[in-house]
C-alpha atoms as a PDB file:
ATOM      1  CA  MET A   1       0.340  16.044 -38.678  1.00  0.00           C
ATOM      2  CA  ASP A   2       1.652  12.535 -39.262  1.00  0.00           C
ATOM      3  CA  PRO A   3       0.934  12.004 -42.967  1.00  0.00           C
ATOM      4  CA  GLY A   4       0.305   8.600 -44.436  1.00  0.00           C
ATOM      5  CA  THR A   5      -0.889   7.070 -47.654  1.00  0.00           C
ATOM      6  CA  ASP A   6      -4.385   6.189 -46.450  1.00  0.00           C
ATOM      7  CA  LYS A   7      -4.665   7.915 -43.070  1.00  0.00           C
ATOM      8  CA  CYS A   8      -3.110  10.791 -41.180  1.00  0.00           C
ATOM      9  CA  GLY A   9      -2.565  11.393 -37.521  1.00  0.00           C
ATOM     10  CA  VAL A  10      -3.718  14.875 -36.573  1.00  0.00           C
ATOM     11  CA  ALA A  11      -3.087  16.809 -33.381  1.00  0.00           C
ATOM     12  CA  VAL A  12      -3.700  20.363 -32.231  1.00  0.00           C
ATOM     13  CA  LEU A  13      -1.646  21.774 -29.383  1.00  0.00           C
ATOM     14  CA  SER A  14      -2.151  24.986 -27.479  1.00  0.00           C
ATOM     15  CA  ARG A  15       0.684  27.492 -27.316  1.00  0.00           C
ATOM     16  CA  ASP A  16       1.710  26.007 -23.959  1.00  0.00           C
ATOM     17  CA  GLY A  17       1.791  22.438 -25.317  1.00  0.00           C
ATOM     18  CA  GLU A  18      -1.563  21.144 -24.083  1.00  0.00           C
ATOM     19  CA  VAL A  19      -3.145  18.628 -26.447  1.00  0.00           C
ATOM     20  CA  LEU A  20      -6.446  20.139 -27.545  1.00  0.00           C
ATOM     21  CA  TYR A  21      -7.279  17.534 -30.188  1.00  0.00           C
ATOM     22  CA  GLN A  22      -5.848  14.300 -31.491  1.00  0.00           C
ATOM     23  CA  GLY A  23      -7.307  11.866 -33.977  1.00  0.00           C
ATOM     24  CA  ILE A  24      -6.794   9.764 -37.059  1.00  0.00           C
ATOM     25  CA  VAL A  25      -8.482  10.732 -40.324  1.00  0.00           C
ATOM     26  CA  GLN A  26      -8.551   9.300 -43.812  1.00  0.00           C
ATOM     27  CA  THR A  27      -6.210  11.244 -46.086  1.00  0.00           C
ATOM     28  CA  ASP A  28      -9.069  11.850 -48.517  1.00  0.00           C
ATOM     29  CA  GLU A  29     -11.028  13.607 -45.718  1.00  0.00           C
ATOM     30  CA  LEU A  30      -8.098  15.678 -44.486  1.00  0.00           C
ATOM     31  CA  ALA A  31      -9.073  19.013 -46.078  1.00  0.00           C
ATOM     32  CA  GLU A  32     -12.533  18.921 -44.455  1.00  0.00           C
ATOM     33  CA  VAL A  33     -11.141  17.973 -41.048  1.00  0.00           C
ATOM     34  CA  VAL A  34      -8.530  20.736 -41.220  1.00  0.00           C
ATOM     35  CA  GLN A  35     -11.306  23.212 -42.042  1.00  0.00           C
ATOM     36  CA  GLN A  36     -13.257  22.148 -38.940  1.00  0.00           C
ATOM     37  CA  LEU A  37     -10.144  22.324 -36.753  1.00  0.00           C
ATOM     38  CA  ARG A  38      -9.177  25.659 -38.285  1.00  0.00           C
ATOM     39  CA  GLU A  39     -12.559  27.134 -37.367  1.00  0.00           C
ATOM     40  CA  GLU A  40     -12.429  25.759 -33.839  1.00  0.00           C
ATOM     41  CA  PHE A  41      -8.770  26.468 -33.002  1.00  0.00           C
ATOM     42  CA  GLN A  42      -7.704  29.327 -35.366  1.00  0.00           C
ATOM     43  CA  ILE A  43      -4.842  27.292 -36.854  1.00  0.00           C
ATOM     44  CA  THR A  44      -2.158  29.350 -38.619  1.00  0.00           C
ATOM     45  CA  THR A  45       0.658  26.769 -38.919  1.00  0.00           C
ATOM     46  CA  ILE A  46       0.661  23.055 -39.661  1.00  0.00           C
ATOM     47  CA  GLY A  47       3.666  20.845 -39.037  1.00  0.00           C
ATOM     48  CA  ILE A  48       3.874  17.875 -41.385  1.00  0.00           C
ATOM     49  CA  GLY A  49       6.052  14.828 -40.789  1.00  0.00           C
ATOM     50  CA  ASP A  50       8.732  14.547 -43.448  1.00  0.00           C
ATOM     51  CA  ARG A  51       8.298  10.921 -44.548  1.00  0.00           C
ATOM     52  CA  THR A  52       5.522   8.769 -46.070  1.00  0.00           C
ATOM     53  CA  GLY A  53       2.766  10.817 -47.655  1.00  0.00           C
ATOM     54  CA  ALA A  54       4.336  14.184 -46.848  1.00  0.00           C
ATOM     55  CA  GLN A  55       4.364  15.458 -50.434  1.00  0.00           C
ATOM     56  CA  ARG A  56       0.756  14.480 -51.093  1.00  0.00           C
ATOM     57  CA  VAL A  57      -0.539  15.927 -47.821  1.00  0.00           C
ATOM     58  CA  ALA A  58       1.434  19.147 -48.264  1.00  0.00           C
ATOM     59  CA  GLY A  59       0.001  19.456 -51.770  1.00  0.00           C
ATOM     60  CA  ILE A  60      -3.565  18.991 -50.541  1.00  0.00           C
ATOM     61  CA  LEU A  61      -3.160  21.497 -47.737  1.00  0.00           C
ATOM     62  CA  SER A  62      -1.268  24.166 -49.677  1.00  0.00           C
ATOM     63  CA  ALA A  63      -3.827  24.049 -52.502  1.00  0.00           C
ATOM     64  CA  THR A  64      -6.793  24.223 -50.127  1.00  0.00           C
ATOM     65  CA  TYR A  65      -5.368  26.583 -47.486  1.00  0.00           C
ATOM     66  CA  PRO A  66      -2.704  28.804 -49.057  1.00  0.00           C
ATOM     67  CA  ASP A  67      -2.800  31.119 -46.013  1.00  0.00           C
ATOM     68  CA  ILE A  68      -1.736  28.385 -43.562  1.00  0.00           C
ATOM     69  CA  GLU A  69       2.021  28.052 -43.101  1.00  0.00           C
ATOM     70  CA  LEU A  70       3.282  24.490 -43.633  1.00  0.00           C
ATOM     71  CA  LYS A  71       6.463  23.329 -41.910  1.00  0.00           C
ATOM     72  CA  ARG A  72       8.225  20.005 -42.311  1.00  0.00           C
ATOM     73  CA  VAL A  73       9.087  18.185 -39.081  1.00  0.00           C
ATOM     74  CA  ALA A  74      11.560  15.307 -38.732  1.00  0.00           C
ATOM     75  CA  GLU A  75       9.768  12.023 -38.064  1.00  0.00           C
ATOM     76  CA  ASP A  76      12.775  10.249 -36.553  1.00  0.00           C
ATOM     77  CA  MET A  77      11.630   7.695 -33.945  1.00  0.00           C
ATOM     78  CA  THR A  78       8.031   8.960 -33.847  1.00  0.00           C
ATOM     79  CA  SER A  79       6.496   5.520 -34.397  1.00  0.00           C
ATOM     80  CA  LEU A  80       8.322   4.034 -31.438  1.00  0.00           C
ATOM     81  CA  LEU A  81       7.725   7.080 -29.242  1.00  0.00           C
ATOM     82  CA  ALA A  82       4.040   7.127 -30.217  1.00  0.00           C
ATOM     83  CA  ARG A  83       3.700   3.505 -29.163  1.00  0.00           C
ATOM     84  CA  GLN A  84       5.334   4.267 -25.821  1.00  0.00           C
ATOM     85  CA  ARG A  85       3.124   7.316 -25.304  1.00  0.00           C
ATOM     86  CA  TYR A  86       0.046   5.194 -26.046  1.00  0.00           C
ATOM     87  CA  TRP A  87       1.039   2.744 -23.293  1.00  0.00           C
ATOM     88  CA  GLN A  88       1.565   5.635 -20.856  1.00  0.00           C
ATOM     89  CA  ASP A  89      -2.010   6.770 -21.500  1.00  0.00           C
ATOM     90  CA  HIS A  90      -3.418   3.226 -21.599  1.00  0.00           C
ATOM     91  CA  PRO A  91      -1.348   1.039 -19.244  1.00  0.00           C
ATOM     92  CA  PRO A  92      -1.389  -2.628 -20.191  1.00  0.00           C
ATOM     93  CA  ARG A  93      -3.659  -4.883 -18.187  1.00  0.00           C
ATOM     94  CA  GLY A  94      -3.813  -8.586 -17.542  1.00  0.00           C
ATOM     95  CA  LEU A  95      -1.351 -10.708 -19.463  1.00  0.00           C
ATOM     96  CA  GLN A  96      -0.266  -7.679 -21.545  1.00  0.00           C
ATOM     97  CA  ARG A  97       1.641  -6.481 -18.469  1.00  0.00           C
ATOM     98  CA  LEU A  98       3.886  -9.543 -18.679  1.00  0.00           C
ATOM     99  CA  ILE A  99       4.983  -8.818 -22.246  1.00  0.00           C
ATOM    100  CA  PRO A 100       8.177  -6.734 -22.407  1.00  0.00           C
ATOM    101  CA  ALA A 101       7.370  -3.151 -23.405  1.00  0.00           C
ATOM    102  CA  GLY A 102       9.408  -3.342 -26.607  1.00  0.00           C
ATOM    103  CA  LEU A 103       7.328  -6.297 -27.796  1.00  0.00           C
ATOM    104  CA  ARG A 104       3.907  -4.857 -26.981  1.00  0.00           C
ATOM    105  CA  PHE A 105       1.851  -3.411 -29.808  1.00  0.00           C
ATOM    106  CA  PRO A 106      -1.157  -1.161 -29.214  1.00  0.00           C
ATOM    107  CA  PRO A 107      -4.513  -2.581 -30.305  1.00  0.00           C
ATOM    108  CA  ARG A 108      -5.051   0.352 -32.686  1.00  0.00           C
ATOM    109  CA  PRO A 109      -2.990   2.638 -34.926  1.00  0.00           C
ATOM    110  CA  VAL A 110      -1.093   5.352 -33.040  1.00  0.00           C
ATOM    111  CA  ASP A 111      -0.753   7.922 -35.832  1.00  0.00           C
ATOM    112  CA  ASP A 112      -2.500  10.461 -33.598  1.00  0.00           C
ATOM    113  CA  TYR A 113       0.160  10.027 -30.928  1.00  0.00           C
ATOM    114  CA  ALA A 114       2.854  10.446 -33.609  1.00  0.00           C
ATOM    115  CA  ALA A 115       1.126  13.698 -34.627  1.00  0.00           C
ATOM    116  CA  VAL A 116       1.266  14.923 -31.021  1.00  0.00           C
ATOM    117  CA  ILE A 117       4.997  14.190 -30.891  1.00  0.00           C
ATOM    118  CA  LEU A 118       5.551  15.998 -34.196  1.00  0.00           C
ATOM    119  CA  ALA A 119       3.595  19.001 -32.911  1.00  0.00           C
ATOM    120  CA  GLU A 120       5.686  19.031 -29.742  1.00  0.00           C
ATOM    121  CA  ARG A 121       8.833  19.012 -31.860  1.00  0.00           C
ATOM    122  CA  LEU A 122       7.518  21.877 -33.966  1.00  0.00           C
ATOM    123  CA  THR A 123       6.536  24.022 -30.996  1.00  0.00           C
ATOM    124  CA  GLY A 124       9.312  23.001 -28.642  1.00  0.00           C
ATOM    125  CA  ALA A 125       6.702  21.804 -26.126  1.00  0.00           C
ATOM    126  CA  GLN A 126       7.879  19.135 -23.724  1.00  0.00           C
ATOM    127  CA  HIS A 127       5.457  16.403 -22.695  1.00  0.00           C
ATOM    128  CA  PRO A 128       5.629  15.966 -18.893  1.00  0.00           C
ATOM    129  CA  GLN A 129       6.329  12.249 -19.209  1.00  0.00           C
ATOM    130  CA  SER A 130       8.684  12.440 -22.190  1.00  0.00           C
ATOM    131  CA  GLN A 131      11.640  12.350 -19.842  1.00  0.00           C
ATOM    132  CA  GLY A 132      10.647   8.769 -19.018  1.00  0.00           C
ATOM    133  CA  LEU A 133      10.450   7.578 -22.615  1.00  0.00           C
ATOM    134  CA  SER A 134      13.318   5.534 -23.871  1.00  0.00           C
ATOM    135  CA  ILE A 135      14.011   4.236 -27.336  1.00  0.00           C
ATOM    136  CA  GLU A 136      14.959   0.860 -25.894  1.00  0.00           C
ATOM    137  CA  GLY A 137      11.278   0.193 -25.209  1.00  0.00           C
ATOM    138  CA  GLY A 138      11.447   0.148 -21.419  1.00  0.00           C
ATOM    139  CA  ASP A 139       8.661   1.282 -19.138  1.00  0.00           C
ATOM    140  CA  ASN A 140      10.794   4.043 -17.581  1.00  0.00           C
END
């Protein structure tokens, strides 16, 4: 989970690292969404990014679901990596292709992609294309 003040990126990964769900939810609706995901995917552990909104989100979840284990996950570079992952899934078209990768911004928030990256860090899963991601912003 990529916690934020107003919204949170949420992702559910299978044990082998397959993304089963990813989305962005309002922080105020988080408890209800987690309940739905818990019923569908039998969630026992939630990884929470360790920066903005982490305390509030952890408080909401621990009060509502005391039986779910909460683990903090380092958020280092997740925003940049999430942006790169978005462009892998949605290659730029038209004039967007001419803009250097480091200067391109997705047309929507990518908190859900950040949540996927945090979940991969928590589980040790390796995204097949992560080898090609670079922090310099290239299209490797």
